[in-house]
Amino acid sequence: REQINSNTAFLDAEQIYGNSAARADALRAFVGGRLKNGTDDGLISASDGAAAACACPVSNSRGLPPHELAFTGNERSNAVAPIGALQLLFVREHNRRAALLEAAYPNWSDEQLYQKARTLVIALVQRITLYEYLPLLVGPLPPYGGYDANVNPSVDNLFAAAAFRFGHSTISGVIEQRDAEGRPLPPLLLRTALFAP
């Protein structure tokens, strides 16, 4: 039996931009090519109406009120703080790049700025994944031989259901924290931090 996986098989920064047009649009500011920001330049809240407007799910296994949850490209962003922190980092990087592009190309439309900033952030995610993260896990990768349209890029069910799950065993049971000045704060236990952003 082969199960259907609705997530993309590509390294396309789905966690930032979503995997549907409705979710992607709900995350956009539609001004200057930027993504929406929440209070204090953080992630937007699940209570701001964007998630409800697009009927996009937000994982909430503890039944928290929507104002305590973030709305991002991936519904699991509230599973544990480091996931949300990484998504916030890339949302800010997208907006930084969009601002630089807007200054360099003042005649570009919001759509042009958004798509170019998105392309640059996706390339950054791909570079980090393929040239920094994966070699640490599996050793050196063979050199890129160019795009081959005949290769099926989908994720094999055996890999998705078993091998891919090994990553969960690499997660520490303790989440280290630091304050704004970089000083250590008391660590969080993963078991108490799960689904409690």
C-alpha atoms as a PDB file:
ATOM      1  CA  ARG A   1       0.000   0.000   0.000  1.00  0.00           C
ATOM      2  CA  GLU A   2       1.171   3.478  -0.805  1.00  0.00           C
ATOM      3  CA  GLN A   3      -0.075   6.359   1.293  1.00  0.00           C
ATOM      4  CA  ILE A   4      -0.445   9.823  -0.203  1.00  0.00           C
ATOM      5  CA  ASN A   5       1.751  12.528   1.293  1.00  0.00           C
ATOM      6  CA  SER A   6       0.468  16.063   0.697  1.00  0.00           C
ATOM      7  CA  ASN A   7       3.784  17.644   1.682  1.00  0.00           C
ATOM      8  CA  THR A   8       6.156  18.579  -1.071  1.00  0.00           C
ATOM      9  CA  ALA A   9       9.125  16.354  -1.855  1.00  0.00           C
ATOM     10  CA  PHE A  10      11.209  19.372  -2.814  1.00  0.00           C
ATOM     11  CA  LEU A  11      13.440  21.541  -0.629  1.00  0.00           C
ATOM     12  CA  ASP A  12      11.204  24.539  -1.299  1.00  0.00           C
ATOM     13  CA  ALA A  13      11.031  26.137   2.165  1.00  0.00           C
ATOM     14  CA  GLU A  14       7.455  24.933   2.636  1.00  0.00           C
ATOM     15  CA  GLN A  15       7.865  25.551   6.363  1.00  0.00           C
ATOM     16  CA  ILE A  16       8.105  29.274   5.591  1.00  0.00           C
ATOM     17  CA  TYR A  17       5.824  29.702   2.562  1.00  0.00           C
ATOM     18  CA  GLY A  18       3.317  26.880   3.015  1.00  0.00           C
ATOM     19  CA  ASN A  19       2.359  24.105   0.628  1.00  0.00           C
ATOM     20  CA  SER A  20      -0.769  25.684  -0.818  1.00  0.00           C
ATOM     21  CA  ALA A  21      -1.596  28.959  -2.542  1.00  0.00           C
ATOM     22  CA  ALA A  22      -4.141  29.764   0.184  1.00  0.00           C
ATOM     23  CA  ARG A  23      -1.603  29.358   2.985  1.00  0.00           C
ATOM     24  CA  ALA A  24       1.084  31.274   1.080  1.00  0.00           C
ATOM     25  CA  ASP A  25      -1.310  34.170   0.451  1.00  0.00           C
ATOM     26  CA  ALA A  26      -2.407  34.215   4.101  1.00  0.00           C
ATOM     27  CA  LEU A  27       1.239  34.668   5.137  1.00  0.00           C
ATOM     28  CA  ARG A  28       1.966  37.527   2.728  1.00  0.00           C
ATOM     29  CA  ALA A  29       1.759  41.221   3.545  1.00  0.00           C
ATOM     30  CA  PHE A  30       1.242  42.072  -0.171  1.00  0.00           C
ATOM     31  CA  VAL A  31       3.414  45.167   0.321  1.00  0.00           C
ATOM     32  CA  GLY A  32       7.005  45.335  -0.872  1.00  0.00           C
ATOM     33  CA  GLY A  33       7.204  41.576  -1.394  1.00  0.00           C
ATOM     34  CA  ARG A  34       7.225  40.960   2.339  1.00  0.00           C
ATOM     35  CA  LEU A  35       5.736  38.332   4.606  1.00  0.00           C
ATOM     36  CA  LYS A  36       3.502  39.355   7.510  1.00  0.00           C
ATOM     37  CA  ASN A  37       5.048  39.973  10.911  1.00  0.00           C
ATOM     38  CA  GLY A  38       3.447  39.695  14.299  1.00  0.00           C
ATOM     39  CA  THR A  39       4.055  41.903  17.298  1.00  0.00           C
ATOM     40  CA  ASP A  40       7.699  42.739  18.051  1.00  0.00           C
ATOM     41  CA  ASP A  41       8.680  41.533  14.549  1.00  0.00           C
ATOM     42  CA  GLY A  42       7.713  37.992  15.560  1.00  0.00           C
ATOM     43  CA  LEU A  43       5.610  35.368  13.801  1.00  0.00           C
ATOM     44  CA  ILE A  44       1.980  36.188  13.161  1.00  0.00           C
ATOM     45  CA  SER A  45      -0.480  34.843  15.662  1.00  0.00           C
ATOM     46  CA  ALA A  46      -3.001  32.156  14.796  1.00  0.00           C
ATOM     47  CA  SER A  47      -5.606  34.564  16.189  1.00  0.00           C
ATOM     48  CA  ASP A  48      -4.976  37.327  13.620  1.00  0.00           C
ATOM     49  CA  GLY A  49      -7.514  35.803  11.244  1.00  0.00           C
ATOM     50  CA  ALA A  50      -5.108  34.664   8.512  1.00  0.00           C
ATOM     51  CA  ALA A  51      -5.335  30.978   9.441  1.00  0.00           C
ATOM     52  CA  ALA A  52      -9.121  31.068   9.666  1.00  0.00           C
ATOM     53  CA  ALA A  53      -9.479  33.045   6.433  1.00  0.00           C
ATOM     54  CA  CYS A  54      -7.643  30.392   4.423  1.00  0.00           C
ATOM     55  CA  ALA A  55      -8.997  27.458   6.459  1.00  0.00           C
ATOM     56  CA  CYS A  56      -5.380  26.470   7.125  1.00  0.00           C
ATOM     57  CA  PRO A  57      -4.763  24.091  10.015  1.00  0.00           C
ATOM     58  CA  VAL A  58      -2.601  25.016  13.001  1.00  0.00           C
ATOM     59  CA  SER A  59      -1.487  22.041  15.095  1.00  0.00           C
ATOM     60  CA  ASN A  60      -2.762  22.504  18.638  1.00  0.00           C
ATOM     61  CA  SER A  61      -2.738  19.198  20.519  1.00  0.00           C
ATOM     62  CA  ARG A  62      -2.877  20.924  23.928  1.00  0.00           C
ATOM     63  CA  GLY A  63      -5.940  22.995  23.031  1.00  0.00           C
ATOM     64  CA  LEU A  64      -4.232  26.354  23.596  1.00  0.00           C
ATOM     65  CA  PRO A  65      -6.059  29.574  22.702  1.00  0.00           C
ATOM     66  CA  PRO A  66      -5.165  30.809  19.184  1.00  0.00           C
ATOM     67  CA  HIS A  67      -3.414  33.957  20.475  1.00  0.00           C
ATOM     68  CA  GLU A  68      -0.756  31.675  22.051  1.00  0.00           C
ATOM     69  CA  LEU A  69       0.000  29.964  18.728  1.00  0.00           C
ATOM     70  CA  ALA A  70       1.982  31.064  15.698  1.00  0.00           C
ATOM     71  CA  PHE A  71       0.660  30.788  12.159  1.00  0.00           C
ATOM     72  CA  THR A  72       3.418  29.830   9.718  1.00  0.00           C
ATOM     73  CA  GLY A  73       3.975  27.916   6.518  1.00  0.00           C
ATOM     74  CA  ASN A  74       3.909  24.626   8.407  1.00  0.00           C
ATOM     75  CA  GLU A  75       1.108  23.680  10.757  1.00  0.00           C
ATOM     76  CA  ARG A  76       3.610  22.017  13.146  1.00  0.00           C
ATOM     77  CA  SER A  77       5.424  25.259  13.956  1.00  0.00           C
ATOM     78  CA  ASN A  78       4.026  25.212  17.491  1.00  0.00           C
ATOM     79  CA  ALA A  79       5.337  21.737  18.294  1.00  0.00           C
ATOM     80  CA  VAL A  80       8.475  23.041  19.976  1.00  0.00           C
ATOM     81  CA  ALA A  81      10.090  26.481  20.268  1.00  0.00           C
ATOM     82  CA  PRO A  82      13.194  25.800  18.117  1.00  0.00           C
ATOM     83  CA  ILE A  83      10.969  24.999  15.106  1.00  0.00           C
ATOM     84  CA  GLY A  84       9.152  28.312  15.441  1.00  0.00           C
ATOM     85  CA  ALA A  85      12.446  30.108  16.028  1.00  0.00           C
ATOM     86  CA  LEU A  86      13.877  28.736  12.785  1.00  0.00           C
ATOM     87  CA  GLN A  87      10.762  29.744  10.890  1.00  0.00           C
ATOM     88  CA  LEU A  88      10.972  33.240  12.355  1.00  0.00           C
ATOM     89  CA  LEU A  89      14.627  33.473  11.320  1.00  0.00           C
ATOM     90  CA  PHE A  90      13.731  32.691   7.703  1.00  0.00           C
ATOM     91  CA  VAL A  91      10.663  35.001   7.681  1.00  0.00           C
ATOM     92  CA  ARG A  92      12.959  37.821   8.782  1.00  0.00           C
ATOM     93  CA  GLU A  93      15.527  36.811   6.162  1.00  0.00           C
ATOM     94  CA  HIS A  94      12.834  36.888   3.481  1.00  0.00           C
ATOM     95  CA  ASN A  95      11.752  40.371   4.560  1.00  0.00           C
ATOM     96  CA  ARG A  96      15.361  41.578   4.739  1.00  0.00           C
ATOM     97  CA  ARG A  97      15.997  40.397   1.203  1.00  0.00           C
ATOM     98  CA  ALA A  98      12.706  41.856  -0.050  1.00  0.00           C
ATOM     99  CA  ALA A  99      13.686  45.251   1.401  1.00  0.00           C
ATOM    100  CA  LEU A 100      17.093  45.100  -0.295  1.00  0.00           C
ATOM    101  CA  LEU A 101      15.479  44.165  -3.605  1.00  0.00           C
ATOM    102  CA  GLU A 102      12.911  46.949  -3.276  1.00  0.00           C
ATOM    103  CA  ALA A 103      15.697  49.479  -2.759  1.00  0.00           C
ATOM    104  CA  ALA A 104      17.657  48.128  -5.743  1.00  0.00           C
ATOM    105  CA  TYR A 105      14.634  47.729  -8.046  1.00  0.00           C
ATOM    106  CA  PRO A 106      12.057  50.383  -7.044  1.00  0.00           C
ATOM    107  CA  ASN A 107       9.940  49.695 -10.146  1.00  0.00           C
ATOM    108  CA  TRP A 108       9.388  46.022  -9.311  1.00  0.00           C
ATOM    109  CA  SER A 109       5.898  44.964  -8.267  1.00  0.00           C
ATOM    110  CA  ASP A 110       5.080  43.349  -4.943  1.00  0.00           C
ATOM    111  CA  GLU A 111       4.819  40.014  -6.766  1.00  0.00           C
ATOM    112  CA  GLN A 112       8.256  40.362  -8.374  1.00  0.00           C
ATOM    113  CA  LEU A 113       9.849  41.295  -5.056  1.00  0.00           C
ATOM    114  CA  TYR A 114       8.109  38.454  -3.218  1.00  0.00           C
ATOM    115  CA  GLN A 115       9.036  35.804  -5.785  1.00  0.00           C
ATOM    116  CA  LYS A 116      12.688  36.902  -6.013  1.00  0.00           C
ATOM    117  CA  ALA A 117      13.096  37.068  -2.200  1.00  0.00           C
ATOM    118  CA  ARG A 118      11.385  33.676  -1.960  1.00  0.00           C
ATOM    119  CA  THR A 119      13.740  32.225  -4.572  1.00  0.00           C
ATOM    120  CA  LEU A 120      16.776  33.504  -2.660  1.00  0.00           C
ATOM    121  CA  VAL A 121      15.535  32.113   0.675  1.00  0.00           C
ATOM    122  CA  ILE A 122      14.718  28.734  -0.887  1.00  0.00           C
ATOM    123  CA  ALA A 123      18.259  28.627  -2.316  1.00  0.00           C
ATOM    124  CA  LEU A 124      19.625  29.415   1.151  1.00  0.00           C
ATOM    125  CA  VAL A 125      17.567  26.595   2.724  1.00  0.00           C
ATOM    126  CA  GLN A 126      18.770  24.212   0.004  1.00  0.00           C
ATOM    127  CA  ARG A 127      22.404  25.218   0.503  1.00  0.00           C
ATOM    128  CA  ILE A 128      22.269  24.773   4.267  1.00  0.00           C
ATOM    129  CA  THR A 129      20.507  21.405   3.919  1.00  0.00           C
ATOM    130  CA  LEU A 130      22.645  19.951   1.143  1.00  0.00           C
ATOM    131  CA  TYR A 131      26.076  21.346   1.948  1.00  0.00           C
ATOM    132  CA  GLU A 132      26.075  21.811   5.720  1.00  0.00           C
ATOM    133  CA  TYR A 133      23.488  19.500   7.327  1.00  0.00           C
ATOM    134  CA  LEU A 134      23.382  16.359   5.157  1.00  0.00           C
ATOM    135  CA  PRO A 135      27.172  15.862   4.944  1.00  0.00           C
ATOM    136  CA  LEU A 136      27.254  15.796   8.752  1.00  0.00           C
ATOM    137  CA  LEU A 137      24.687  12.984   8.727  1.00  0.00           C
ATOM    138  CA  VAL A 138      25.689  10.831   5.768  1.00  0.00           C
ATOM    139  CA  GLY A 139      29.161  11.986   4.794  1.00  0.00           C
ATOM    140  CA  PRO A 140      30.231  13.820   1.649  1.00  0.00           C
ATOM    141  CA  LEU A 141      27.651  13.986  -1.114  1.00  0.00           C
ATOM    142  CA  PRO A 142      28.570  13.341  -4.760  1.00  0.00           C
ATOM    143  CA  PRO A 143      28.982  16.462  -6.880  1.00  0.00           C
ATOM    144  CA  TYR A 144      25.796  17.828  -8.415  1.00  0.00           C
ATOM    145  CA  GLY A 145      25.469  16.442 -11.924  1.00  0.00           C
ATOM    146  CA  GLY A 146      22.693  18.717 -13.135  1.00  0.00           C
ATOM    147  CA  TYR A 147      18.935  18.457 -13.245  1.00  0.00           C
ATOM    148  CA  ASP A 148      17.460  15.214 -14.574  1.00  0.00           C
ATOM    149  CA  ALA A 149      13.749  15.435 -15.462  1.00  0.00           C
ATOM    150  CA  ASN A 150      13.537  11.612 -15.515  1.00  0.00           C
ATOM    151  CA  VAL A 151      14.257  11.227 -11.794  1.00  0.00           C
ATOM    152  CA  ASN A 152      11.181  10.811  -9.605  1.00  0.00           C
ATOM    153  CA  PRO A 153      11.674  13.310  -6.755  1.00  0.00           C
ATOM    154  CA  SER A 154       8.924  11.956  -4.501  1.00  0.00           C
ATOM    155  CA  VAL A 155       9.703  10.617  -1.049  1.00  0.00           C
ATOM    156  CA  ASP A 156       9.487   6.838  -0.792  1.00  0.00           C
ATOM    157  CA  ASN A 157       6.957   5.651   1.808  1.00  0.00           C
ATOM    158  CA  LEU A 158       9.511   3.360   3.450  1.00  0.00           C
ATOM    159  CA  PHE A 159      11.843   6.308   3.927  1.00  0.00           C
ATOM    160  CA  ALA A 160       9.079   8.649   5.128  1.00  0.00           C
ATOM    161  CA  ALA A 161       7.629   6.135   7.592  1.00  0.00           C
ATOM    162  CA  ALA A 162      10.854   4.695   8.985  1.00  0.00           C
ATOM    163  CA  ALA A 163      14.238   6.085   7.982  1.00  0.00           C
ATOM    164  CA  PHE A 164      13.164   9.733   8.006  1.00  0.00           C
ATOM    165  CA  ARG A 165      12.024   9.354  11.616  1.00  0.00           C
ATOM    166  CA  PHE A 166      15.583   8.818  12.806  1.00  0.00           C
ATOM    167  CA  GLY A 167      15.854  12.610  13.064  1.00  0.00           C
ATOM    168  CA  HIS A 168      13.542  12.563  16.049  1.00  0.00           C
ATOM    169  CA  SER A 169      16.169  10.548  17.933  1.00  0.00           C
ATOM    170  CA  THR A 170      18.732  13.322  17.360  1.00  0.00           C
ATOM    171  CA  ILE A 171      16.718  15.840  19.363  1.00  0.00           C
ATOM    172  CA  SER A 172      17.976  16.637  22.839  1.00  0.00           C
ATOM    173  CA  GLY A 173      15.650  16.224  25.806  1.00  0.00           C
ATOM    174  CA  VAL A 174      16.689  19.691  26.967  1.00  0.00           C
ATOM    175  CA  ILE A 175      16.255  23.000  25.124  1.00  0.00           C
ATOM    176  CA  GLU A 176      18.908  25.532  26.040  1.00  0.00           C
ATOM    177  CA  GLN A 177      17.827  29.173  26.279  1.00  0.00           C
ATOM    178  CA  ARG A 178      19.574  32.510  26.275  1.00  0.00           C
ATOM    179  CA  ASP A 179      18.380  36.013  27.000  1.00  0.00           C
ATOM    180  CA  ALA A 180      18.727  38.997  24.638  1.00  0.00           C
ATOM    181  CA  GLU A 181      22.323  39.551  25.814  1.00  0.00           C
ATOM    182  CA  GLY A 182      23.292  35.917  25.264  1.00  0.00           C
ATOM    183  CA  ARG A 183      23.372  34.914  28.938  1.00  0.00           C
ATOM    184  CA  PRO A 184      22.170  31.394  29.764  1.00  0.00           C
ATOM    185  CA  LEU A 185      18.635  30.993  31.094  1.00  0.00           C
ATOM    186  CA  PRO A 186      17.280  27.898  32.837  1.00  0.00           C
ATOM    187  CA  PRO A 187      16.862  25.136  30.251  1.00  0.00           C
ATOM    188  CA  LEU A 188      13.468  23.809  29.210  1.00  0.00           C
ATOM    189  CA  LEU A 189      12.699  20.108  29.332  1.00  0.00           C
ATOM    190  CA  LEU A 190      11.488  18.938  25.946  1.00  0.00           C
ATOM    191  CA  ARG A 191       8.618  16.981  27.500  1.00  0.00           C
ATOM    192  CA  THR A 192       7.170  20.174  29.015  1.00  0.00           C
ATOM    193  CA  ALA A 193       7.960  22.354  26.001  1.00  0.00           C
ATOM    194  CA  LEU A 194       6.239  20.147  23.397  1.00  0.00           C
ATOM    195  CA  PHE A 195       3.164  21.852  21.954  1.00  0.00           C
ATOM    196  CA  ALA A 196       3.493  24.674  24.481  1.00  0.00           C
ATOM    197  CA  PRO A 197       5.068  27.502  22.487  1.00  0.00           C
END
